[in-house]
Amino acid sequence: MTTGSDLPPEVICLIVGGLDIHDAKEERERKRGLAACGLTCRYWAGAVRPLLFECLTLRSLEDVGQLL
């Protein structure tokens, strides 16, 4: 049986990068898809996390407070 830790991190990053669809109708859809991939295992989560948080949308002062 093979686990995520058996694959080199570079391979996981390439796979996840290929799944990152930038032409999604909405950014929310894109992030939902990536988040689902991040639930695969902790190694996938580590590769997905930077893509999920590369662009944040803060809609209110309360959002800023939660981020801080």
PDB file of N, CA and C in Angstrom:
ATOM      1  N   MET A   1       0.842  -1.183   0.000  1.00  0.00           N
ATOM      2  CA  MET A   1       0.000   0.000   0.000  1.00  0.00           C
ATOM      3  C   MET A   1       0.889   1.248   0.000  1.00  0.00           C
ATOM      4  N   THR A   2       0.539   2.206  -0.802  1.00  0.00           N
ATOM      5  CA  THR A   2       1.300   3.444  -0.914  1.00  0.00           C
ATOM      6  C   THR A   2       0.542   4.566  -0.213  1.00  0.00           C
ATOM      7  N   THR A   3       1.270   5.411   0.484  1.00  0.00           N
ATOM      8  CA  THR A   3       0.666   6.574   1.135  1.00  0.00           C
ATOM      9  C   THR A   3       1.237   7.837   0.532  1.00  0.00           C
ATOM     10  N   GLY A   4       0.661   8.970   0.925  1.00  0.00           N
ATOM     11  CA  GLY A   4       1.143  10.258   0.429  1.00  0.00           C
ATOM     12  C   GLY A   4       2.583  10.512   0.763  1.00  0.00           C
ATOM     13  N   SER A   5       3.047   9.957   1.868  1.00  0.00           N
ATOM     14  CA  SER A   5       4.430  10.194   2.269  1.00  0.00           C
ATOM     15  C   SER A   5       5.420   9.418   1.402  1.00  0.00           C
ATOM     16  N   ASP A   6       4.929   8.448   0.624  1.00  0.00           N
ATOM     17  CA  ASP A   6       5.811   7.688  -0.254  1.00  0.00           C
ATOM     18  C   ASP A   6       6.160   8.452  -1.530  1.00  0.00           C
ATOM     19  N   LEU A   7       5.374   9.438  -1.859  1.00  0.00           N
ATOM     20  CA  LEU A   7       5.633  10.245  -3.050  1.00  0.00           C
ATOM     21  C   LEU A   7       6.516  11.429  -2.683  1.00  0.00           C
ATOM     22  N   PRO A   8       7.441  11.788  -3.556  1.00  0.00           N
ATOM     23  CA  PRO A   8       8.251  12.983  -3.285  1.00  0.00           C
ATOM     24  C   PRO A   8       7.367  14.231  -3.253  1.00  0.00           C
ATOM     25  N   PRO A   9       7.669  15.178  -2.382  1.00  0.00           N
ATOM     26  CA  PRO A   9       6.853  16.399  -2.289  1.00  0.00           C
ATOM     27  C   PRO A   9       6.729  17.137  -3.618  1.00  0.00           C
ATOM     28  N   GLU A  10       7.765  17.070  -4.440  1.00  0.00           N
ATOM     29  CA  GLU A  10       7.729  17.748  -5.733  1.00  0.00           C
ATOM     30  C   GLU A  10       6.632  17.173  -6.620  1.00  0.00           C
ATOM     31  N   VAL A  11       6.428  15.864  -6.543  1.00  0.00           N
ATOM     32  CA  VAL A  11       5.394  15.210  -7.358  1.00  0.00           C
ATOM     33  C   VAL A  11       4.009  15.636  -6.882  1.00  0.00           C
ATOM     34  N   ILE A  12       3.827  15.674  -5.571  1.00  0.00           N
ATOM     35  CA  ILE A  12       2.539  16.103  -5.024  1.00  0.00           C
ATOM     36  C   ILE A  12       2.247  17.542  -5.441  1.00  0.00           C
ATOM     37  N   CYS A  13       3.245  18.405  -5.389  1.00  0.00           N
ATOM     38  CA  CYS A  13       3.057  19.808  -5.797  1.00  0.00           C
ATOM     39  C   CYS A  13       2.682  19.912  -7.271  1.00  0.00           C
ATOM     40  N   LEU A  14       3.296  19.089  -8.097  1.00  0.00           N
ATOM     41  CA  LEU A  14       2.962  19.105  -9.526  1.00  0.00           C
ATOM     42  C   LEU A  14       1.535  18.621  -9.767  1.00  0.00           C
ATOM     43  N   ILE A  15       1.114  17.595  -9.056  1.00  0.00           N
ATOM     44  CA  ILE A  15      -0.249  17.086  -9.211  1.00  0.00           C
ATOM     45  C   ILE A  15      -1.263  18.132  -8.763  1.00  0.00           C
ATOM     46  N   VAL A  16      -1.048  18.687  -7.588  1.00  0.00           N
ATOM     47  CA  VAL A  16      -1.974  19.688  -7.051  1.00  0.00           C
ATOM     48  C   VAL A  16      -1.975  20.931  -7.940  1.00  0.00           C
ATOM     49  N   GLY A  17      -0.816  21.332  -8.426  1.00  0.00           N
ATOM     50  CA  GLY A  17      -0.741  22.484  -9.325  1.00  0.00           C
ATOM     51  C   GLY A  17      -1.529  22.260 -10.598  1.00  0.00           C
ATOM     52  N   GLY A  18      -1.531  21.017 -11.086  1.00  0.00           N
ATOM     53  CA  GLY A  18      -2.310  20.691 -12.275  1.00  0.00           C
ATOM     54  C   GLY A  18      -3.805  20.712 -12.014  1.00  0.00           C
ATOM     55  N   LEU A  19      -4.205  20.506 -10.775  1.00  0.00           N
ATOM     56  CA  LEU A  19      -5.613  20.527 -10.410  1.00  0.00           C
ATOM     57  C   LEU A  19      -6.128  21.936 -10.160  1.00  0.00           C
ATOM     58  N   ASP A  20      -5.237  22.886  -9.979  1.00  0.00           N
ATOM     59  CA  ASP A  20      -5.608  24.268  -9.675  1.00  0.00           C
ATOM     60  C   ASP A  20      -6.101  24.939 -10.948  1.00  0.00           C
ATOM     61  N   ILE A  21      -7.412  24.999 -11.101  1.00  0.00           N
ATOM     62  CA  ILE A  21      -8.028  25.563 -12.307  1.00  0.00           C
ATOM     63  C   ILE A  21      -8.285  27.045 -12.077  1.00  0.00           C
ATOM     64  N   HIS A  22      -7.559  27.888 -12.787  1.00  0.00           N
ATOM     65  CA  HIS A  22      -7.704  29.338 -12.597  1.00  0.00           C
ATOM     66  C   HIS A  22      -8.847  29.923 -13.402  1.00  0.00           C
ATOM     67  N   ASP A  23      -9.405  29.152 -14.322  1.00  0.00           N
ATOM     68  CA  ASP A  23     -10.506  29.696 -15.108  1.00  0.00           C
ATOM     69  C   ASP A  23     -11.868  29.256 -14.568  1.00  0.00           C
ATOM     70  N   ALA A  24     -11.913  28.902 -13.291  1.00  0.00           N
ATOM     71  CA  ALA A  24     -13.186  28.537 -12.656  1.00  0.00           C
ATOM     72  C   ALA A  24     -14.120  29.744 -12.686  1.00  0.00           C
ATOM     73  N   LYS A  25     -15.415  29.473 -12.697  1.00  0.00           N
ATOM     74  CA  LYS A  25     -16.388  30.559 -12.765  1.00  0.00           C
ATOM     75  C   LYS A  25     -16.226  31.529 -11.608  1.00  0.00           C
ATOM     76  N   GLU A  26     -15.958  30.990 -10.456  1.00  0.00           N
ATOM     77  CA  GLU A  26     -15.792  31.832  -9.276  1.00  0.00           C
ATOM     78  C   GLU A  26     -14.595  31.356  -8.475  1.00  0.00           C
ATOM     79  N   GLU A  27     -13.979  32.262  -7.801  1.00  0.00           N
ATOM     80  CA  GLU A  27     -12.861  31.923  -6.930  1.00  0.00           C
ATOM     81  C   GLU A  27     -13.304  30.964  -5.833  1.00  0.00           C
ATOM     82  N   ARG A  28     -14.535  31.111  -5.388  1.00  0.00           N
ATOM     83  CA  ARG A  28     -15.067  30.245  -4.333  1.00  0.00           C
ATOM     84  C   ARG A  28     -15.101  28.780  -4.795  1.00  0.00           C
ATOM     85  N   GLU A  29     -15.510  28.547  -6.042  1.00  0.00           N
ATOM     86  CA  GLU A  29     -15.531  27.187  -6.595  1.00  0.00           C
ATOM     87  C   GLU A  29     -14.125  26.614  -6.657  1.00  0.00           C
ATOM     88  N   ARG A  30     -13.186  27.428  -7.072  1.00  0.00           N
ATOM     89  CA  ARG A  30     -11.788  27.000  -7.178  1.00  0.00           C
ATOM     90  C   ARG A  30     -11.274  26.565  -5.807  1.00  0.00           C
ATOM     91  N   LYS A  31     -11.545  27.390  -4.805  1.00  0.00           N
ATOM     92  CA  LYS A  31     -11.053  27.089  -3.463  1.00  0.00           C
ATOM     93  C   LYS A  31     -11.739  25.859  -2.874  1.00  0.00           C
ATOM     94  N   ARG A  32     -13.008  25.670  -3.177  1.00  0.00           N
ATOM     95  CA  ARG A  32     -13.702  24.468  -2.688  1.00  0.00           C
ATOM     96  C   ARG A  32     -13.070  23.212  -3.277  1.00  0.00           C
ATOM     97  N   GLY A  33     -12.756  23.249  -4.554  1.00  0.00           N
ATOM     98  CA  GLY A  33     -12.121  22.103  -5.189  1.00  0.00           C
ATOM     99  C   GLY A  33     -10.754  21.808  -4.602  1.00  0.00           C
ATOM    100  N   LEU A  34      -9.971  22.855  -4.388  1.00  0.00           N
ATOM    101  CA  LEU A  34      -8.648  22.674  -3.796  1.00  0.00           C
ATOM    102  C   LEU A  34      -8.751  22.184  -2.356  1.00  0.00           C
ATOM    103  N   ALA A  35      -9.713  22.732  -1.613  1.00  0.00           N
ATOM    104  CA  ALA A  35      -9.885  22.309  -0.226  1.00  0.00           C
ATOM    105  C   ALA A  35     -10.247  20.832  -0.154  1.00  0.00           C
ATOM    106  N   ALA A  36     -11.063  20.362  -1.081  1.00  0.00           N
ATOM    107  CA  ALA A  36     -11.416  18.941  -1.108  1.00  0.00           C
ATOM    108  C   ALA A  36     -10.179  18.086  -1.349  1.00  0.00           C
ATOM    109  N   CYS A  37      -9.289  18.541  -2.222  1.00  0.00           N
ATOM    110  CA  CYS A  37      -8.040  17.814  -2.465  1.00  0.00           C
ATOM    111  C   CYS A  37      -7.165  17.823  -1.213  1.00  0.00           C
ATOM    112  N   GLY A  38      -7.215  18.903  -0.469  1.00  0.00           N
ATOM    113  CA  GLY A  38      -6.422  19.013   0.749  1.00  0.00           C
ATOM    114  C   GLY A  38      -6.863  18.061   1.841  1.00  0.00           C
ATOM    115  N   LEU A  39      -8.066  17.512   1.722  1.00  0.00           N
ATOM    116  CA  LEU A  39      -8.558  16.562   2.716  1.00  0.00           C
ATOM    117  C   LEU A  39      -8.033  15.150   2.471  1.00  0.00           C
ATOM    118  N   THR A  40      -7.336  14.953   1.367  1.00  0.00           N
ATOM    119  CA  THR A  40      -6.820  13.636   1.032  1.00  0.00           C
ATOM    120  C   THR A  40      -5.877  13.112   2.110  1.00  0.00           C
ATOM    121  N   CYS A  41      -4.892  13.891   2.466  1.00  0.00           N
ATOM    122  CA  CYS A  41      -3.953  13.525   3.533  1.00  0.00           C
ATOM    123  C   CYS A  41      -3.160  14.773   3.900  1.00  0.00           C
ATOM    124  N   ARG A  42      -2.344  14.670   4.931  1.00  0.00           N
ATOM    125  CA  ARG A  42      -1.620  15.867   5.394  1.00  0.00           C
ATOM    126  C   ARG A  42      -0.608  16.362   4.377  1.00  0.00           C
ATOM    127  N   TYR A  43      -0.088  15.472   3.547  1.00  0.00           N
ATOM    128  CA  TYR A  43       0.888  15.889   2.544  1.00  0.00           C
ATOM    129  C   TYR A  43       0.226  16.688   1.436  1.00  0.00           C
ATOM    130  N   TRP A  44      -0.971  16.250   1.035  1.00  0.00           N
ATOM    131  CA  TRP A  44      -1.727  17.020   0.052  1.00  0.00           C
ATOM    132  C   TRP A  44      -2.159  18.352   0.661  1.00  0.00           C
ATOM    133  N   ALA A  45      -2.549  18.323   1.923  1.00  0.00           N
ATOM    134  CA  ALA A  45      -2.967  19.560   2.588  1.00  0.00           C
ATOM    135  C   ALA A  45      -1.833  20.579   2.583  1.00  0.00           C
ATOM    136  N   GLY A  46      -0.611  20.111   2.816  1.00  0.00           N
ATOM    137  CA  GLY A  46       0.539  21.012   2.803  1.00  0.00           C
ATOM    138  C   GLY A  46       0.796  21.627   1.443  1.00  0.00           C
ATOM    139  N   ALA A  47       0.490  20.877   0.393  1.00  0.00           N
ATOM    140  CA  ALA A  47       0.679  21.397  -0.967  1.00  0.00           C
ATOM    141  C   ALA A  47      -0.454  22.332  -1.373  1.00  0.00           C
ATOM    142  N   VAL A  48      -1.650  22.070  -0.877  1.00  0.00           N
ATOM    143  CA  VAL A  48      -2.832  22.861  -1.252  1.00  0.00           C
ATOM    144  C   VAL A  48      -2.911  24.186  -0.492  1.00  0.00           C
ATOM    145  N   ARG A  49      -2.479  24.184   0.752  1.00  0.00           N
ATOM    146  CA  ARG A  49      -2.632  25.353   1.624  1.00  0.00           C
ATOM    147  C   ARG A  49      -2.100  26.650   1.002  1.00  0.00           C
ATOM    148  N   PRO A  50      -0.897  26.673   0.434  1.00  0.00           N
ATOM    149  CA  PRO A  50      -0.429  27.941  -0.167  1.00  0.00           C
ATOM    150  C   PRO A  50      -1.320  28.429  -1.306  1.00  0.00           C
ATOM    151  N   LEU A  51      -1.897  27.505  -2.067  1.00  0.00           N
ATOM    152  CA  LEU A  51      -2.791  27.907  -3.161  1.00  0.00           C
ATOM    153  C   LEU A  51      -4.104  28.468  -2.630  1.00  0.00           C
ATOM    154  N   LEU A  52      -4.571  27.918  -1.532  1.00  0.00           N
ATOM    155  CA  LEU A  52      -5.826  28.392  -0.941  1.00  0.00           C
ATOM    156  C   LEU A  52      -5.700  29.802  -0.378  1.00  0.00           C
ATOM    157  N   PHE A  53      -4.534  30.124   0.160  1.00  0.00           N
ATOM    158  CA  PHE A  53      -4.374  31.399   0.846  1.00  0.00           C
ATOM    159  C   PHE A  53      -3.513  32.407   0.097  1.00  0.00           C
ATOM    160  N   GLU A  54      -3.258  32.149  -1.198  1.00  0.00           N
ATOM    161  CA  GLU A  54      -2.447  33.105  -1.952  1.00  0.00           C
ATOM    162  C   GLU A  54      -3.204  34.397  -2.224  1.00  0.00           C
ATOM    163  N   CYS A  55      -4.518  34.326  -2.223  1.00  0.00           N
ATOM    164  CA  CYS A  55      -5.338  35.514  -2.465  1.00  0.00           C
ATOM    165  C   CYS A  55      -6.523  35.486  -1.509  1.00  0.00           C
ATOM    166  N   LEU A  56      -6.574  36.433  -0.589  1.00  0.00           N
ATOM    167  CA  LEU A  56      -7.661  36.517   0.383  1.00  0.00           C
ATOM    168  C   LEU A  56      -8.579  37.672   0.039  1.00  0.00           C
ATOM    169  N   THR A  57      -9.859  37.474   0.271  1.00  0.00           N
ATOM    170  CA  THR A  57     -10.838  38.533   0.067  1.00  0.00           C
ATOM    171  C   THR A  57     -11.387  38.926   1.425  1.00  0.00           C
ATOM    172  N   LEU A  58     -11.113  40.144   1.826  1.00  0.00           N
ATOM    173  CA  LEU A  58     -11.611  40.670   3.095  1.00  0.00           C
ATOM    174  C   LEU A  58     -12.752  41.627   2.776  1.00  0.00           C
ATOM    175  N   ARG A  59     -13.943  41.294   3.246  1.00  0.00           N
ATOM    176  CA  ARG A  59     -15.126  42.069   2.889  1.00  0.00           C
ATOM    177  C   ARG A  59     -15.514  43.107   3.934  1.00  0.00           C
ATOM    178  N   SER A  60     -14.959  42.971   5.141  1.00  0.00           N
ATOM    179  CA  SER A  60     -15.346  43.905   6.195  1.00  0.00           C
ATOM    180  C   SER A  60     -14.212  44.045   7.203  1.00  0.00           C
ATOM    181  N   LEU A  61     -14.355  45.006   8.097  1.00  0.00           N
ATOM    182  CA  LEU A  61     -13.402  45.199   9.161  1.00  0.00           C
ATOM    183  C   LEU A  61     -13.392  43.978  10.094  1.00  0.00           C
ATOM    184  N   GLU A  62     -14.545  43.341  10.230  1.00  0.00           N
ATOM    185  CA  GLU A  62     -14.640  42.124  11.054  1.00  0.00           C
ATOM    186  C   GLU A  62     -13.778  41.010  10.453  1.00  0.00           C
ATOM    187  N   ASP A  63     -13.757  40.906   9.127  1.00  0.00           N
ATOM    188  CA  ASP A  63     -12.892  39.908   8.469  1.00  0.00           C
ATOM    189  C   ASP A  63     -11.421  40.154   8.804  1.00  0.00           C
ATOM    190  N   VAL A  64     -11.029  41.419   8.816  1.00  0.00           N
ATOM    191  CA  VAL A  64      -9.654  41.779   9.144  1.00  0.00           C
ATOM    192  C   VAL A  64      -9.343  41.369  10.586  1.00  0.00           C
ATOM    193  N   GLY A  65     -10.268  41.621  11.488  1.00  0.00           N
ATOM    194  CA  GLY A  65     -10.086  41.256  12.880  1.00  0.00           C
ATOM    195  C   GLY A  65      -9.944  39.751  13.059  1.00  0.00           C
ATOM    196  N   GLN A  66     -10.740  38.976  12.341  1.00  0.00           N
ATOM    197  CA  GLN A  66     -10.632  37.529  12.420  1.00  0.00           C
ATOM    198  C   GLN A  66      -9.309  37.035  11.861  1.00  0.00           C
ATOM    199  N   LEU A  67      -8.831  37.675  10.833  1.00  0.00           N
ATOM    200  CA  LEU A  67      -7.550  37.287  10.243  1.00  0.00           C
ATOM    201  C   LEU A  67      -6.402  37.560  11.209  1.00  0.00           C
ATOM    202  N   LEU A  68      -6.457  38.712  11.847  1.00  0.00           N
ATOM    203  CA  LEU A  68      -5.387  39.047  12.801  1.00  0.00           C
ATOM    204  C   LEU A  68      -5.444  38.139  14.000  1.00  0.00           C
TER     205      LEU A  68
END
